[in-house]
Amino acid sequence: MGNETKRRATYADIEALPENMVGQIIDGELIAMSRPASPHSVAHTVIQGLLVTAFQVGQRAPGGWWIVDEPELHFGEDVLVPDVGGWRRERMPQMRRVPFFTLAPDWVCEVLSPSTASLDRKRKREIYAREGVEYVWLVDPAKRTLEVFRRREEQWVALGTYSGEARIRAEPFEAMELDLGALWPPELEAP
């Protein structure tokens, strides 16, 4: 007793999860989560849709980005899945046919849920900083807020916290005005 060593999670552990679960490996620990509730999904979908339209495929738009839904990121033994990730085309000129990415995104967006907020705010942001992600957005549908961070060296600097129905411009997508009200569905009744 007392000499037991906890086995480090492997990618096989992620593959063994049921289809309705999202798996990540952080510091050797398997973290499995069920799919999120509707407020999370709405915010996630709206952000992705607006950014894809404006920065990836839109006509007369700034362009210059690859915006990807739930990209699987492999950083050594760590496997992370942000809600949305984006790469500047100058760093990743072509989208390759790959099951996961080893090149860190330039920007990630995490939509917070009660079960994921502390993980997204601490452990995942530490790994994003270590791997060179330049920007992190944290969206909280319950509080109706968007927090924008930029990496300076390996530390996150808060660029702003925006809330409610504000119309904002947030790095690195400041060329587009974002209507935060579009991220928040009207209050929904529980089933």
N, C-alpha and C. Protein backbone atom coordinates (compact mmCIF):
# COMPACT_ATOMS: atom_id res chain seq x y z
N MET A 1 0.84 -1.18 0.00
CA MET A 1 0.00 0.00 0.00
C MET A 1 0.88 1.23 0.00
N GLY A 2 0.38 2.29 -0.64
CA GLY A 2 1.12 3.53 -0.71
C GLY A 2 2.10 3.59 -1.85
N ASN A 3 2.39 2.49 -2.53
CA ASN A 3 3.32 2.49 -3.64
C ASN A 3 2.61 2.44 -4.99
N GLU A 4 1.29 2.59 -4.98
CA GLU A 4 0.54 2.52 -6.23
C GLU A 4 0.81 3.75 -7.08
N THR A 5 1.00 3.55 -8.35
CA THR A 5 1.22 4.63 -9.28
C THR A 5 0.03 4.70 -10.23
N LYS A 6 -0.55 5.87 -10.32
CA LYS A 6 -1.68 6.03 -11.23
C LYS A 6 -1.16 6.00 -12.67
N ARG A 7 -1.82 5.20 -13.48
CA ARG A 7 -1.43 5.06 -14.89
C ARG A 7 -1.74 6.36 -15.64
N ARG A 8 -0.80 6.79 -16.46
CA ARG A 8 -1.01 7.99 -17.28
C ARG A 8 -1.95 7.62 -18.43
N ALA A 9 -2.87 8.50 -18.71
CA ALA A 9 -3.83 8.27 -19.79
C ALA A 9 -3.12 8.29 -21.14
N THR A 10 -3.67 7.54 -22.08
CA THR A 10 -3.15 7.50 -23.44
C THR A 10 -4.27 7.82 -24.41
N TYR A 11 -3.91 7.97 -25.66
CA TYR A 11 -4.92 8.26 -26.67
C TYR A 11 -5.92 7.11 -26.79
N ALA A 12 -5.51 5.91 -26.50
CA ALA A 12 -6.43 4.76 -26.52
C ALA A 12 -7.58 4.98 -25.53
N ASP A 13 -7.32 5.68 -24.43
CA ASP A 13 -8.38 5.98 -23.47
C ASP A 13 -9.41 6.92 -24.08
N ILE A 14 -8.97 7.87 -24.86
CA ILE A 14 -9.90 8.78 -25.54
C ILE A 14 -10.73 7.99 -26.56
N GLU A 15 -10.06 7.14 -27.33
CA GLU A 15 -10.77 6.36 -28.35
C GLU A 15 -11.80 5.42 -27.75
N ALA A 16 -11.61 4.99 -26.51
CA ALA A 16 -12.54 4.06 -25.86
C ALA A 16 -13.78 4.74 -25.29
N LEU A 17 -13.81 6.08 -25.29
CA LEU A 17 -14.96 6.79 -24.74
C LEU A 17 -16.19 6.61 -25.62
N PRO A 18 -17.39 6.65 -25.04
CA PRO A 18 -18.61 6.61 -25.86
C PRO A 18 -18.67 7.83 -26.78
N GLU A 19 -19.42 7.73 -27.87
CA GLU A 19 -19.49 8.80 -28.87
C GLU A 19 -20.03 10.12 -28.32
N ASN A 20 -20.81 10.07 -27.26
CA ASN A 20 -21.38 11.30 -26.72
C ASN A 20 -20.44 12.02 -25.76
N MET A 21 -19.22 11.56 -25.66
CA MET A 21 -18.24 12.16 -24.74
C MET A 21 -17.09 12.78 -25.53
N VAL A 22 -16.55 13.87 -24.98
CA VAL A 22 -15.35 14.51 -25.51
C VAL A 22 -14.24 14.22 -24.53
N GLY A 23 -13.12 13.70 -25.02
CA GLY A 23 -12.01 13.37 -24.14
C GLY A 23 -10.82 14.28 -24.38
N GLN A 24 -10.13 14.59 -23.30
CA GLN A 24 -8.90 15.37 -23.36
C GLN A 24 -7.92 14.72 -22.38
N ILE A 25 -6.64 14.92 -22.63
CA ILE A 25 -5.62 14.45 -21.70
C ILE A 25 -4.80 15.66 -21.29
N ILE A 26 -4.78 15.93 -20.00
CA ILE A 26 -4.05 17.08 -19.48
C ILE A 26 -3.18 16.59 -18.33
N ASP A 27 -1.89 16.81 -18.47
CA ASP A 27 -0.93 16.35 -17.45
C ASP A 27 -1.09 14.87 -17.14
N GLY A 28 -1.36 14.07 -18.17
CA GLY A 28 -1.47 12.63 -18.00
C GLY A 28 -2.82 12.14 -17.51
N GLU A 29 -3.75 13.05 -17.25
CA GLU A 29 -5.07 12.70 -16.72
C GLU A 29 -6.12 12.74 -17.83
N LEU A 30 -6.92 11.69 -17.93
CA LEU A 30 -8.03 11.66 -18.87
C LEU A 30 -9.17 12.48 -18.29
N ILE A 31 -9.64 13.44 -19.08
CA ILE A 31 -10.78 14.27 -18.68
C ILE A 31 -11.86 14.04 -19.72
N ALA A 32 -12.96 13.44 -19.30
CA ALA A 32 -14.06 13.13 -20.21
C ALA A 32 -15.28 13.95 -19.82
N MET A 33 -15.90 14.55 -20.83
CA MET A 33 -17.06 15.40 -20.59
C MET A 33 -18.16 15.05 -21.58
N SER A 34 -19.39 15.14 -21.11
CA SER A 34 -20.51 14.94 -22.03
C SER A 34 -20.69 16.21 -22.85
N ARG A 35 -21.45 16.10 -23.91
CA ARG A 35 -21.71 17.25 -24.78
C ARG A 35 -22.43 18.34 -23.98
N PRO A 36 -22.18 19.60 -24.29
CA PRO A 36 -22.72 20.70 -23.50
C PRO A 36 -24.21 20.96 -23.71
N ALA A 37 -24.77 21.76 -22.80
CA ALA A 37 -26.17 22.16 -22.86
C ALA A 37 -26.35 23.25 -23.93
N SER A 38 -27.60 23.54 -24.23
CA SER A 38 -27.93 24.45 -25.34
C SER A 38 -27.34 25.86 -25.23
N PRO A 39 -27.30 26.54 -24.06
CA PRO A 39 -26.69 27.88 -24.06
C PRO A 39 -25.23 27.85 -24.52
N HIS A 40 -24.49 26.84 -24.10
CA HIS A 40 -23.10 26.66 -24.52
C HIS A 40 -23.05 26.45 -26.04
N SER A 41 -23.89 25.57 -26.54
CA SER A 41 -23.88 25.25 -27.97
C SER A 41 -24.25 26.45 -28.83
N VAL A 42 -25.19 27.25 -28.37
CA VAL A 42 -25.59 28.44 -29.14
C VAL A 42 -24.42 29.42 -29.23
N ALA A 43 -23.80 29.74 -28.10
CA ALA A 43 -22.67 30.68 -28.11
C ALA A 43 -21.54 30.17 -29.00
N HIS A 44 -21.22 28.90 -28.87
CA HIS A 44 -20.17 28.26 -29.66
C HIS A 44 -20.49 28.38 -31.15
N THR A 45 -21.70 28.02 -31.53
CA THR A 45 -22.09 28.01 -32.94
C THR A 45 -22.09 29.42 -33.53
N VAL A 46 -22.59 30.40 -32.78
CA VAL A 46 -22.65 31.77 -33.28
C VAL A 46 -21.24 32.33 -33.49
N ILE A 47 -20.37 32.15 -32.50
CA ILE A 47 -18.99 32.66 -32.65
C ILE A 47 -18.33 32.02 -33.87
N GLN A 48 -18.42 30.71 -33.96
CA GLN A 48 -17.80 30.03 -35.09
C GLN A 48 -18.38 30.52 -36.42
N GLY A 49 -19.69 30.60 -36.50
CA GLY A 49 -20.33 31.03 -37.75
C GLY A 49 -19.94 32.43 -38.16
N LEU A 50 -19.93 33.36 -37.22
CA LEU A 50 -19.56 34.74 -37.54
C LEU A 50 -18.10 34.82 -38.00
N LEU A 51 -17.22 34.12 -37.30
CA LEU A 51 -15.80 34.20 -37.65
C LEU A 51 -15.49 33.48 -38.96
N VAL A 52 -16.12 32.34 -39.21
CA VAL A 52 -15.91 31.65 -40.49
C VAL A 52 -16.36 32.55 -41.63
N THR A 53 -17.53 33.16 -41.48
CA THR A 53 -18.06 34.02 -42.54
C THR A 53 -17.16 35.24 -42.77
N ALA A 54 -16.72 35.88 -41.71
CA ALA A 54 -15.93 37.10 -41.86
C ALA A 54 -14.46 36.87 -42.17
N PHE A 55 -13.89 35.80 -41.65
CA PHE A 55 -12.43 35.66 -41.74
C PHE A 55 -11.95 34.44 -42.52
N GLN A 56 -12.85 33.59 -42.96
CA GLN A 56 -12.40 32.42 -43.72
C GLN A 56 -13.00 32.38 -45.12
N VAL A 57 -14.30 32.56 -45.26
CA VAL A 57 -14.92 32.37 -46.57
C VAL A 57 -15.72 33.57 -47.06
N GLY A 58 -15.90 34.59 -46.24
CA GLY A 58 -16.75 35.71 -46.62
C GLY A 58 -16.19 36.53 -47.76
N GLN A 59 -17.09 37.03 -48.60
CA GLN A 59 -16.68 37.91 -49.69
C GLN A 59 -16.45 39.31 -49.11
N ARG A 60 -15.40 39.96 -49.58
CA ARG A 60 -15.04 41.30 -49.13
C ARG A 60 -14.78 41.36 -47.62
N ALA A 61 -14.40 40.24 -47.07
CA ALA A 61 -14.10 40.17 -45.64
C ALA A 61 -12.59 40.20 -45.45
N PRO A 62 -12.14 40.47 -44.22
CA PRO A 62 -10.70 40.52 -43.97
C PRO A 62 -9.98 39.22 -44.33
N GLY A 63 -10.63 38.07 -44.13
CA GLY A 63 -10.01 36.79 -44.48
C GLY A 63 -8.77 36.50 -43.67
N GLY A 64 -7.97 35.55 -44.19
CA GLY A 64 -6.67 35.27 -43.60
C GLY A 64 -6.63 34.26 -42.48
N TRP A 65 -7.74 33.55 -42.21
CA TRP A 65 -7.78 32.61 -41.10
C TRP A 65 -8.38 31.29 -41.52
N TRP A 66 -8.01 30.22 -40.78
CA TRP A 66 -8.71 28.94 -40.77
C TRP A 66 -9.41 28.88 -39.42
N ILE A 67 -10.71 28.78 -39.39
CA ILE A 67 -11.49 28.68 -38.17
C ILE A 67 -12.03 27.25 -38.11
N VAL A 68 -11.75 26.52 -37.03
CA VAL A 68 -12.06 25.10 -36.95
C VAL A 68 -12.87 24.81 -35.69
N ASP A 69 -13.95 24.04 -35.87
CA ASP A 69 -14.80 23.60 -34.77
C ASP A 69 -14.14 22.46 -34.01
N GLU A 70 -14.01 22.61 -32.71
CA GLU A 70 -13.46 21.59 -31.83
C GLU A 70 -12.21 20.89 -32.40
N PRO A 71 -11.18 21.67 -32.73
CA PRO A 71 -9.97 21.01 -33.23
C PRO A 71 -9.29 20.21 -32.12
N GLU A 72 -8.84 19.03 -32.47
CA GLU A 72 -8.09 18.22 -31.51
C GLU A 72 -6.63 18.63 -31.61
N LEU A 73 -6.07 19.07 -30.49
CA LEU A 73 -4.71 19.58 -30.45
C LEU A 73 -3.83 18.61 -29.67
N HIS A 74 -2.73 18.18 -30.27
CA HIS A 74 -1.79 17.28 -29.61
C HIS A 74 -0.51 18.06 -29.31
N PHE A 75 -0.24 18.26 -28.01
CA PHE A 75 0.95 18.96 -27.56
C PHE A 75 1.71 18.00 -26.65
N GLY A 76 2.62 17.22 -27.23
CA GLY A 76 3.31 16.20 -26.45
C GLY A 76 2.29 15.19 -25.96
N GLU A 77 2.24 14.95 -24.65
CA GLU A 77 1.28 14.01 -24.09
C GLU A 77 -0.09 14.64 -23.85
N ASP A 78 -0.18 15.96 -23.93
CA ASP A 78 -1.45 16.64 -23.70
C ASP A 78 -2.29 16.63 -24.98
N VAL A 79 -3.58 16.35 -24.82
CA VAL A 79 -4.54 16.39 -25.92
C VAL A 79 -5.67 17.31 -25.48
N LEU A 80 -5.82 18.43 -26.16
CA LEU A 80 -6.84 19.41 -25.80
C LEU A 80 -7.82 19.58 -26.94
N VAL A 81 -9.07 19.93 -26.59
CA VAL A 81 -10.10 20.18 -27.59
C VAL A 81 -10.81 21.47 -27.21
N PRO A 82 -10.34 22.62 -27.73
CA PRO A 82 -11.07 23.86 -27.47
C PRO A 82 -12.39 23.85 -28.26
N ASP A 83 -13.31 24.72 -27.89
CA ASP A 83 -14.57 24.79 -28.63
C ASP A 83 -14.34 25.25 -30.06
N VAL A 84 -13.50 26.26 -30.23
CA VAL A 84 -13.18 26.77 -31.57
C VAL A 84 -11.71 27.16 -31.56
N GLY A 85 -11.02 26.93 -32.68
CA GLY A 85 -9.63 27.35 -32.80
C GLY A 85 -9.42 28.03 -34.14
N GLY A 86 -8.43 28.89 -34.19
CA GLY A 86 -8.14 29.60 -35.44
C GLY A 86 -6.66 29.74 -35.68
N TRP A 87 -6.28 29.53 -36.93
CA TRP A 87 -4.88 29.68 -37.36
C TRP A 87 -4.81 30.75 -38.43
N ARG A 88 -3.87 31.65 -38.30
CA ARG A 88 -3.61 32.62 -39.38
C ARG A 88 -3.05 31.85 -40.57
N ARG A 89 -3.52 32.20 -41.74
CA ARG A 89 -3.06 31.49 -42.94
C ARG A 89 -1.58 31.71 -43.22
N GLU A 90 -1.03 32.78 -42.71
CA GLU A 90 0.41 32.99 -42.90
C GLU A 90 1.22 31.93 -42.14
N ARG A 91 0.66 31.37 -41.06
CA ARG A 91 1.33 30.29 -40.32
C ARG A 91 0.93 28.92 -40.82
N MET A 92 -0.29 28.78 -41.32
CA MET A 92 -0.78 27.50 -41.85
C MET A 92 -1.45 27.80 -43.19
N PRO A 93 -0.65 27.93 -44.25
CA PRO A 93 -1.19 28.35 -45.55
C PRO A 93 -2.26 27.42 -46.11
N GLN A 94 -2.13 26.14 -45.86
CA GLN A 94 -3.10 25.17 -46.37
C GLN A 94 -3.64 24.33 -45.22
N MET A 95 -4.93 24.01 -45.35
CA MET A 95 -5.53 23.10 -44.38
C MET A 95 -5.21 21.69 -44.86
N ARG A 96 -4.53 20.96 -44.00
CA ARG A 96 -4.17 19.58 -44.35
C ARG A 96 -5.24 18.62 -43.87
N ARG A 97 -5.30 17.46 -44.49
CA ARG A 97 -6.22 16.41 -44.07
C ARG A 97 -5.54 15.63 -42.95
N VAL A 98 -5.86 16.01 -41.71
CA VAL A 98 -5.23 15.39 -40.54
C VAL A 98 -6.29 15.09 -39.48
N PRO A 99 -6.06 14.07 -38.65
CA PRO A 99 -7.03 13.78 -37.59
C PRO A 99 -6.87 14.70 -36.37
N PHE A 100 -5.71 15.37 -36.27
CA PHE A 100 -5.45 16.28 -35.15
C PHE A 100 -4.36 17.25 -35.58
N PHE A 101 -4.19 18.30 -34.80
CA PHE A 101 -3.21 19.34 -35.11
C PHE A 101 -2.10 19.33 -34.07
N THR A 102 -0.86 19.50 -34.53
CA THR A 102 0.27 19.66 -33.61
C THR A 102 0.76 21.11 -33.61
N LEU A 103 0.38 21.87 -34.61
CA LEU A 103 0.69 23.29 -34.66
C LEU A 103 -0.33 24.03 -33.80
N ALA A 104 0.14 24.76 -32.81
CA ALA A 104 -0.77 25.48 -31.92
C ALA A 104 -1.54 26.54 -32.70
N PRO A 105 -2.83 26.69 -32.40
CA PRO A 105 -3.60 27.76 -33.04
C PRO A 105 -3.08 29.13 -32.60
N ASP A 106 -3.43 30.15 -33.36
CA ASP A 106 -3.12 31.53 -32.95
C ASP A 106 -4.16 32.03 -31.95
N TRP A 107 -5.36 31.45 -32.01
CA TRP A 107 -6.49 31.88 -31.17
C TRP A 107 -7.32 30.67 -30.81
N VAL A 108 -7.80 30.62 -29.58
CA VAL A 108 -8.77 29.61 -29.18
C VAL A 108 -9.90 30.28 -28.42
N CYS A 109 -11.06 29.66 -28.50
CA CYS A 109 -12.23 30.11 -27.76
C CYS A 109 -12.75 28.93 -26.94
N GLU A 110 -12.89 29.17 -25.66
CA GLU A 110 -13.48 28.19 -24.76
C GLU A 110 -14.80 28.77 -24.26
N VAL A 111 -15.88 28.02 -24.46
CA VAL A 111 -17.18 28.42 -23.94
C VAL A 111 -17.33 27.69 -22.61
N LEU A 112 -17.47 28.47 -21.55
CA LEU A 112 -17.46 27.92 -20.21
C LEU A 112 -18.79 27.27 -19.84
N SER A 113 -18.70 26.15 -19.18
CA SER A 113 -19.83 25.46 -18.57
C SER A 113 -19.49 25.31 -17.09
N PRO A 114 -20.47 25.12 -16.23
CA PRO A 114 -20.14 24.93 -14.81
C PRO A 114 -19.13 23.81 -14.60
N SER A 115 -19.20 22.76 -15.39
CA SER A 115 -18.30 21.62 -15.19
C SER A 115 -16.91 21.82 -15.81
N THR A 116 -16.73 22.82 -16.69
CA THR A 116 -15.44 23.00 -17.36
C THR A 116 -14.74 24.31 -17.04
N ALA A 117 -15.41 25.24 -16.40
CA ALA A 117 -14.87 26.59 -16.23
C ALA A 117 -13.49 26.60 -15.58
N SER A 118 -13.31 25.89 -14.47
CA SER A 118 -12.01 25.96 -13.80
C SER A 118 -10.92 25.30 -14.64
N LEU A 119 -11.24 24.23 -15.33
CA LEU A 119 -10.27 23.58 -16.22
C LEU A 119 -9.87 24.52 -17.36
N ASP A 120 -10.86 25.17 -17.98
CA ASP A 120 -10.59 26.08 -19.10
C ASP A 120 -9.78 27.30 -18.64
N ARG A 121 -10.12 27.82 -17.48
CA ARG A 121 -9.45 29.03 -16.98
C ARG A 121 -8.01 28.78 -16.53
N LYS A 122 -7.74 27.61 -15.97
CA LYS A 122 -6.42 27.38 -15.39
C LYS A 122 -5.56 26.43 -16.22
N ARG A 123 -5.82 25.14 -16.13
CA ARG A 123 -4.91 24.16 -16.72
C ARG A 123 -4.80 24.31 -18.23
N LYS A 124 -5.94 24.48 -18.92
CA LYS A 124 -5.87 24.57 -20.38
C LYS A 124 -5.19 25.87 -20.80
N ARG A 125 -5.49 26.99 -20.14
CA ARG A 125 -4.81 28.25 -20.51
C ARG A 125 -3.31 28.17 -20.27
N GLU A 126 -2.89 27.48 -19.21
CA GLU A 126 -1.45 27.30 -18.97
C GLU A 126 -0.79 26.56 -20.13
N ILE A 127 -1.45 25.52 -20.62
CA ILE A 127 -0.90 24.76 -21.75
C ILE A 127 -0.92 25.62 -23.01
N TYR A 128 -2.00 26.36 -23.24
CA TYR A 128 -2.06 27.23 -24.41
C TYR A 128 -0.91 28.25 -24.38
N ALA A 129 -0.63 28.82 -23.22
CA ALA A 129 0.48 29.78 -23.10
C ALA A 129 1.81 29.09 -23.40
N ARG A 130 2.00 27.93 -22.81
CA ARG A 130 3.24 27.17 -23.01
C ARG A 130 3.47 26.85 -24.49
N GLU A 131 2.39 26.54 -25.21
CA GLU A 131 2.49 26.13 -26.61
C GLU A 131 2.50 27.30 -27.59
N GLY A 132 2.31 28.53 -27.10
CA GLY A 132 2.42 29.69 -27.96
C GLY A 132 1.13 30.21 -28.56
N VAL A 133 -0.03 29.78 -28.07
CA VAL A 133 -1.30 30.36 -28.53
C VAL A 133 -1.26 31.83 -28.15
N GLU A 134 -1.62 32.69 -29.09
CA GLU A 134 -1.50 34.13 -28.85
C GLU A 134 -2.71 34.73 -28.14
N TYR A 135 -3.91 34.24 -28.46
CA TYR A 135 -5.14 34.79 -27.89
C TYR A 135 -6.04 33.68 -27.35
N VAL A 136 -6.71 33.97 -26.24
CA VAL A 136 -7.74 33.10 -25.70
C VAL A 136 -8.97 33.95 -25.41
N TRP A 137 -10.12 33.46 -25.89
CA TRP A 137 -11.41 34.04 -25.53
C TRP A 137 -12.10 33.06 -24.60
N LEU A 138 -12.66 33.57 -23.51
CA LEU A 138 -13.48 32.78 -22.60
C LEU A 138 -14.89 33.36 -22.63
N VAL A 139 -15.83 32.56 -23.07
CA VAL A 139 -17.22 32.99 -23.19
C VAL A 139 -18.01 32.29 -22.10
N ASP A 140 -18.75 33.07 -21.33
CA ASP A 140 -19.57 32.52 -20.25
C ASP A 140 -21.04 32.80 -20.53
N PRO A 141 -21.79 31.83 -21.08
CA PRO A 141 -23.20 32.07 -21.39
C PRO A 141 -24.04 32.37 -20.15
N ALA A 142 -23.71 31.79 -19.00
CA ALA A 142 -24.49 32.05 -17.78
C ALA A 142 -24.35 33.50 -17.33
N LYS A 143 -23.13 34.03 -17.41
CA LYS A 143 -22.90 35.43 -17.00
C LYS A 143 -23.04 36.39 -18.18
N ARG A 144 -23.13 35.82 -19.39
CA ARG A 144 -23.23 36.62 -20.62
C ARG A 144 -22.03 37.55 -20.76
N THR A 145 -20.84 36.93 -20.66
CA THR A 145 -19.60 37.70 -20.77
C THR A 145 -18.63 37.06 -21.77
N LEU A 146 -17.78 37.91 -22.31
CA LEU A 146 -16.65 37.49 -23.14
C LEU A 146 -15.41 38.13 -22.53
N GLU A 147 -14.44 37.28 -22.16
CA GLU A 147 -13.15 37.76 -21.66
C GLU A 147 -12.12 37.51 -22.75
N VAL A 148 -11.31 38.52 -23.05
CA VAL A 148 -10.31 38.43 -24.10
C VAL A 148 -8.93 38.56 -23.47
N PHE A 149 -8.06 37.59 -23.80
CA PHE A 149 -6.70 37.56 -23.26
C PHE A 149 -5.69 37.47 -24.41
N ARG A 150 -4.55 38.12 -24.20
CA ARG A 150 -3.44 38.01 -25.15
C ARG A 150 -2.22 37.54 -24.36
N ARG A 151 -1.46 36.65 -24.97
CA ARG A 151 -0.26 36.12 -24.33
C ARG A 151 0.90 37.08 -24.50
N ARG A 152 1.56 37.35 -23.39
CA ARG A 152 2.81 38.09 -23.40
C ARG A 152 3.81 37.20 -22.69
N GLU A 153 4.79 36.71 -23.46
CA GLU A 153 5.70 35.67 -23.00
C GLU A 153 4.85 34.47 -22.64
N GLU A 154 4.86 33.97 -21.40
CA GLU A 154 4.00 32.83 -21.06
C GLU A 154 2.91 33.22 -20.08
N GLN A 155 2.56 34.51 -20.06
CA GLN A 155 1.52 35.02 -19.16
C GLN A 155 0.36 35.57 -19.97
N TRP A 156 -0.85 35.47 -19.41
CA TRP A 156 -2.04 36.01 -20.06
C TRP A 156 -2.32 37.41 -19.53
N VAL A 157 -2.52 38.34 -20.44
CA VAL A 157 -2.87 39.71 -20.09
C VAL A 157 -4.31 39.92 -20.53
N ALA A 158 -5.15 40.37 -19.61
CA ALA A 158 -6.56 40.61 -19.93
C ALA A 158 -6.67 41.88 -20.78
N LEU A 159 -7.29 41.75 -21.95
CA LEU A 159 -7.51 42.90 -22.81
C LEU A 159 -8.88 43.52 -22.58
N GLY A 160 -9.80 42.75 -22.00
CA GLY A 160 -11.11 43.30 -21.71
C GLY A 160 -12.11 42.22 -21.38
N THR A 161 -13.12 42.63 -20.62
CA THR A 161 -14.27 41.78 -20.33
C THR A 161 -15.50 42.54 -20.80
N TYR A 162 -16.27 41.91 -21.66
CA TYR A 162 -17.43 42.54 -22.29
C TYR A 162 -18.67 41.75 -21.90
N SER A 163 -19.80 42.44 -21.78
CA SER A 163 -20.97 41.73 -21.29
C SER A 163 -22.25 42.22 -21.95
N GLY A 164 -23.29 41.42 -21.73
CA GLY A 164 -24.63 41.77 -22.15
C GLY A 164 -24.80 41.85 -23.65
N GLU A 165 -25.36 42.95 -24.09
CA GLU A 165 -25.70 43.16 -25.50
C GLU A 165 -24.69 44.08 -26.20
N ALA A 166 -23.54 44.29 -25.61
CA ALA A 166 -22.54 45.21 -26.15
C ALA A 166 -22.14 44.83 -27.58
N ARG A 167 -21.80 45.82 -28.35
CA ARG A 167 -21.22 45.63 -29.67
C ARG A 167 -19.74 46.00 -29.51
N ILE A 168 -18.87 45.03 -29.81
CA ILE A 168 -17.46 45.21 -29.49
C ILE A 168 -16.56 44.86 -30.67
N ARG A 169 -15.31 45.22 -30.54
CA ARG A 169 -14.24 44.79 -31.43
C ARG A 169 -13.18 44.17 -30.52
N ALA A 170 -12.89 42.90 -30.74
CA ALA A 170 -11.98 42.17 -29.86
C ALA A 170 -10.86 41.53 -30.67
N GLU A 171 -9.62 41.71 -30.18
CA GLU A 171 -8.46 41.09 -30.82
C GLU A 171 -8.60 39.57 -30.77
N PRO A 172 -8.15 38.88 -31.77
CA PRO A 172 -7.48 39.33 -32.99
C PRO A 172 -8.45 39.60 -34.14
N PHE A 173 -9.73 39.67 -33.84
CA PHE A 173 -10.75 39.84 -34.89
C PHE A 173 -11.40 41.22 -34.83
N GLU A 174 -10.61 42.23 -34.48
CA GLU A 174 -11.14 43.57 -34.31
C GLU A 174 -11.64 44.21 -35.60
N ALA A 175 -11.34 43.61 -36.75
CA ALA A 175 -11.86 44.13 -38.02
C ALA A 175 -13.38 43.93 -38.12
N MET A 176 -13.94 43.08 -37.27
CA MET A 176 -15.37 42.80 -37.27
C MET A 176 -15.99 43.29 -35.96
N GLU A 177 -17.14 43.93 -36.08
CA GLU A 177 -17.88 44.28 -34.87
C GLU A 177 -18.71 43.07 -34.47
N LEU A 178 -18.58 42.66 -33.22
CA LEU A 178 -19.27 41.49 -32.70
C LEU A 178 -20.41 41.96 -31.80
N ASP A 179 -21.62 41.54 -32.12
CA ASP A 179 -22.80 41.83 -31.31
C ASP A 179 -22.93 40.71 -30.29
N LEU A 180 -22.54 40.98 -29.05
CA LEU A 180 -22.57 39.94 -28.03
C LEU A 180 -23.97 39.39 -27.80
N GLY A 181 -24.99 40.21 -28.00
CA GLY A 181 -26.36 39.75 -27.80
C GLY A 181 -26.71 38.54 -28.64
N ALA A 182 -26.03 38.38 -29.79
CA ALA A 182 -26.30 37.23 -30.66
C ALA A 182 -25.83 35.92 -30.03
N LEU A 183 -24.95 36.00 -29.04
CA LEU A 183 -24.42 34.79 -28.42
C LEU A 183 -25.35 34.20 -27.36
N TRP A 184 -26.26 34.99 -26.87
CA TRP A 184 -27.08 34.58 -25.74
C TRP A 184 -28.51 34.30 -26.18
N PRO A 185 -28.93 33.05 -26.15
CA PRO A 185 -30.31 32.77 -26.51
C PRO A 185 -31.24 33.32 -25.44
N PRO A 186 -32.49 33.63 -25.80
CA PRO A 186 -33.43 34.05 -24.77
C PRO A 186 -33.49 32.96 -23.69
N GLU A 187 -33.89 33.37 -22.50
CA GLU A 187 -33.96 32.39 -21.41
C GLU A 187 -34.79 31.19 -21.86
N LEU A 188 -34.21 30.02 -21.68
CA LEU A 188 -34.86 28.79 -22.11
C LEU A 188 -35.43 28.06 -20.90
N GLU A 189 -36.56 27.44 -21.10
CA GLU A 189 -37.15 26.65 -20.03
C GLU A 189 -36.49 25.28 -20.00
N ALA A 190 -36.33 24.76 -18.81
CA ALA A 190 -35.79 23.40 -18.66
C ALA A 190 -36.83 22.41 -19.16
N PRO A 191 -36.41 21.27 -19.71
CA PRO A 191 -37.38 20.30 -20.23
C PRO A 191 -38.24 19.70 -19.13
